[in-house]
Protein backbone atom coordinates (compact mmCIF):
# COMPACT_ATOMS: atom_id res chain seq x y z
CA MET A 1 29.74 28.20 7.10
CA SER A 2 27.04 25.62 6.42
CA ALA A 3 25.89 25.88 10.05
CA LEU A 4 25.40 29.62 9.56
CA SER A 5 23.50 29.19 6.34
CA SER A 6 21.29 26.48 7.87
CA LYS A 7 20.48 28.79 10.81
CA ARG A 8 19.50 31.51 8.35
CA ARG A 9 17.13 29.10 6.63
CA GLY A 10 15.57 28.22 9.98
CA GLU A 11 16.76 24.59 9.96
CA LYS A 12 17.60 23.00 13.26
CA ARG A 13 21.10 21.47 13.30
CA LEU A 14 21.98 18.81 15.84
CA SER A 15 25.06 19.24 17.97
CA LEU A 16 27.59 16.42 18.11
CA SER A 17 26.25 15.27 21.48
CA GLN A 18 22.69 15.21 20.11
CA GLN A 19 23.85 13.20 17.10
CA TRP A 20 25.55 10.71 19.46
CA ARG A 21 22.38 10.41 21.56
CA THR A 22 20.36 9.83 18.39
CA LEU A 23 22.70 7.04 17.33
CA ARG A 24 22.63 5.56 20.84
CA THR A 25 18.82 5.71 20.83
CA LEU A 26 18.77 3.67 17.63
CA PHE A 27 20.94 0.95 19.16
CA VAL A 28 18.85 0.82 22.34
CA ARG A 29 15.53 0.30 20.55
CA PRO A 30 14.79 -3.44 20.52
CA SER A 31 13.05 -3.21 17.15
CA ALA A 32 16.07 -1.52 15.55
CA ARG A 33 18.79 -3.89 16.79
CA PRO A 34 18.29 -6.66 14.21
CA VAL A 35 18.26 -4.09 11.41
CA ILE A 36 21.53 -2.55 12.60
CA ILE A 37 23.17 -5.98 13.07
CA VAL A 38 22.17 -7.17 9.59
CA GLY A 39 23.31 -3.80 8.20
CA LEU A 40 26.73 -4.24 9.79
CA LEU A 41 26.94 -7.78 8.44
CA MET A 42 26.11 -6.53 4.93
CA LEU A 43 28.76 -3.82 5.35
CA ALA A 44 31.38 -6.43 6.31
CA LEU A 45 30.47 -8.65 3.35
CA GLY A 46 30.49 -5.67 0.99
CA LEU A 47 33.85 -4.42 2.19
CA SER A 48 35.37 -7.89 1.89
CA ASN A 49 34.17 -8.09 -1.72
CA ILE A 50 35.58 -4.63 -2.46
CA GLY A 51 38.85 -5.73 -0.86
CA ARG A 52 38.91 -8.80 -3.07
CA ALA A 53 38.36 -6.64 -6.13
CA LEU A 54 41.16 -4.29 -5.11
CA LEU A 55 43.62 -7.15 -4.49
CA VAL A 56 43.08 -8.82 -7.86
CA PRO A 57 45.61 -6.62 -9.77
CA ARG A 58 48.26 -7.33 -7.17
CA TYR A 59 47.73 -11.09 -7.36
CA ALA A 60 47.61 -10.95 -11.16
CA ALA A 61 51.00 -9.23 -11.17
CA MET A 62 52.53 -11.65 -8.65
CA LEU A 63 51.10 -14.81 -10.27
CA PRO A 64 50.90 -14.14 -14.02
CA ASP A 65 51.23 -17.81 -15.05
CA LEU A 66 48.81 -19.25 -12.50
CA PRO A 67 46.43 -21.69 -14.19
CA MET A 68 42.89 -20.57 -13.39
CA THR A 69 39.37 -21.58 -14.35
CA VAL A 70 38.20 -17.93 -14.43
CA SER A 71 39.94 -14.74 -15.46
CA TRP A 72 41.34 -12.14 -13.12
CA ARG A 73 38.94 -9.64 -14.65
CA TYR A 74 35.93 -11.80 -13.69
CA LEU A 75 37.13 -11.94 -10.08
CA ALA A 76 37.64 -8.18 -9.95
CA VAL A 77 34.32 -7.29 -11.57
CA SER A 78 32.26 -9.72 -9.49
CA GLY A 79 33.96 -8.53 -6.29
CA ALA A 80 33.34 -4.88 -7.13
CA PHE A 81 29.73 -5.52 -8.17
CA TRP A 82 28.80 -7.48 -5.04
CA GLY A 83 30.71 -5.04 -2.87
CA VAL A 84 28.66 -2.11 -4.17
CA VAL A 85 25.38 -4.05 -3.92
CA LEU A 86 25.99 -5.25 -0.35
CA ILE A 87 27.22 -1.84 0.85
CA THR A 88 24.05 -0.33 -0.66
CA CYS A 89 22.06 -2.84 1.41
CA ALA A 90 23.98 -1.83 4.53
CA ILE A 91 23.39 1.88 3.99
CA GLY A 92 19.70 1.34 3.33
CA LEU A 93 19.27 -0.78 6.46
CA VAL A 94 21.18 1.54 8.78
CA CYS A 95 19.17 4.50 7.43
CA PHE A 96 15.91 2.51 7.86
CA ARG A 97 14.84 2.93 4.25
CA PRO A 98 11.63 1.03 3.37
CA TRP A 99 13.23 -0.52 0.25
CA SER A 100 16.20 -1.88 2.21
CA ARG A 101 14.41 -4.96 3.56
CA TRP A 102 13.38 -6.51 0.26
CA PHE A 103 16.58 -5.32 -1.46
CA THR A 104 18.74 -6.98 1.21
CA LEU A 105 16.74 -10.21 1.10
CA ALA A 106 16.99 -10.38 -2.69
CA ALA A 107 20.64 -9.34 -2.84
CA THR A 108 21.75 -11.81 -0.17
CA THR A 109 19.90 -14.67 -1.84
CA VAL A 110 21.18 -13.88 -5.33
CA TYR A 111 24.70 -13.37 -3.92
CA GLN A 112 24.65 -16.85 -2.42
CA VAL A 113 23.27 -18.35 -5.64
CA HIS A 114 26.16 -16.66 -7.47
CA VAL A 115 28.66 -18.07 -4.97
CA TRP A 116 27.30 -21.59 -5.49
CA VAL A 117 27.24 -21.26 -9.28
CA ASP A 118 30.91 -20.28 -9.05
CA HIS A 119 31.59 -23.31 -6.83
CA VAL A 120 29.90 -25.76 -9.18
CA LEU A 121 31.33 -24.36 -12.39
CA PHE A 122 34.81 -23.22 -11.38
CA ASP A 123 36.09 -25.22 -8.38
CA ALA A 124 38.91 -27.29 -9.87
CA SER A 125 40.75 -28.74 -6.88
CA ASP A 126 39.80 -31.55 -4.54
CA TYR A 127 40.39 -29.23 -1.59
CA ALA A 128 37.83 -26.74 -2.90
CA ARG A 129 35.27 -29.52 -3.26
CA GLN A 130 36.04 -30.81 0.24
CA ARG A 131 35.07 -27.42 1.64
CA TRP A 132 31.58 -27.53 0.13
CA ALA A 133 30.02 -28.86 3.35
CA TRP A 134 31.53 -25.98 5.33
CA ASP A 135 30.50 -23.45 2.69
CA LEU A 136 26.97 -24.88 2.63
CA MET A 137 26.72 -24.49 6.40
CA LEU A 138 27.90 -20.86 6.18
CA THR A 139 25.42 -20.18 3.36
CA LEU A 140 22.52 -21.62 5.35
CA LEU A 141 23.55 -19.67 8.46
CA LEU A 142 23.80 -16.40 6.52
CA LEU A 143 20.49 -16.86 4.70
CA GLY A 144 18.74 -18.06 7.85
CA PHE A 145 20.02 -15.12 9.89
CA VAL A 146 19.23 -12.47 7.29
CA TRP A 147 15.80 -13.86 6.33
CA GLY A 148 14.92 -14.59 9.95
CA SER A 149 16.00 -11.18 11.23
CA LEU A 150 14.38 -9.13 8.46
CA ASN A 151 11.10 -11.06 8.65
CA LEU A 152 10.51 -10.41 12.34
CA PRO A 153 7.18 -8.55 12.67
CA ARG A 154 8.73 -5.64 14.56
CA VAL A 155 11.50 -5.28 11.97
CA ARG A 156 9.00 -5.34 9.11
CA ARG A 157 6.99 -2.65 10.89
CA VAL A 158 10.05 -0.49 11.55
CA LEU A 159 11.28 -0.71 7.96
CA SER A 160 7.89 -0.34 6.31
CA LYS A 161 6.93 2.81 8.18
CA GLY A 162 10.36 4.27 8.89
CA GLU A 163 9.71 4.01 12.63
CA GLY A 164 13.33 3.19 13.39
CA VAL A 165 14.49 6.74 12.89
CA PRO A 166 13.80 8.91 15.95
CA ARG A 167 11.93 12.12 15.29
CA MET A 168 13.25 15.48 16.41
CA ALA A 169 10.79 15.50 19.33
CA GLU A 170 12.30 12.25 20.63
CA ILE A 171 15.89 13.50 20.75
CA PRO A 172 16.95 14.72 24.19
CA ASP A 173 18.60 18.13 24.21
CA GLY A 174 21.09 17.26 26.94
CA ARG A 175 19.25 19.01 29.80
CA GLY A 176 16.92 16.12 30.58
CA THR A 177 14.10 17.60 28.54
CA GLN A 178 12.78 16.81 25.12
CA SER A 179 13.38 19.36 22.38
């Protein structure tokens, strides 16, 4: 029914094959690849934080007497908050929104600062402290990849002007011609 109403309004709707070609065009563009890859990375981090938040009630029920340095509520709220923030970054990047670059850079940096504040304040076991070198390496890799990728000149140009999104004239219509 929405396709009928959009035709009445004179809007051009893309067929499924045109939508697939549009998505494929985005992945083929060299300037768009780093944006998509960082967006997928942000999506994975966001979903893992949401997963952590959703698992907290189960662990709280299974381990009610577990001695902890933070509350279960803190773990759930921080997981949900960072999940929403990082998924917002992913959506903004994949949609090539101009705000997504600076928002992702800020969110990733503040997220890592939060992770390290948690390490310093709440790690209680020797094993947790032994992993700090590994965690530091992962932090530096993540920050280096995100900052390096989103500061490439072509990526800055694509995200500042919205050039990553193909225009209707650039989408093939399936007959080898441009629509």
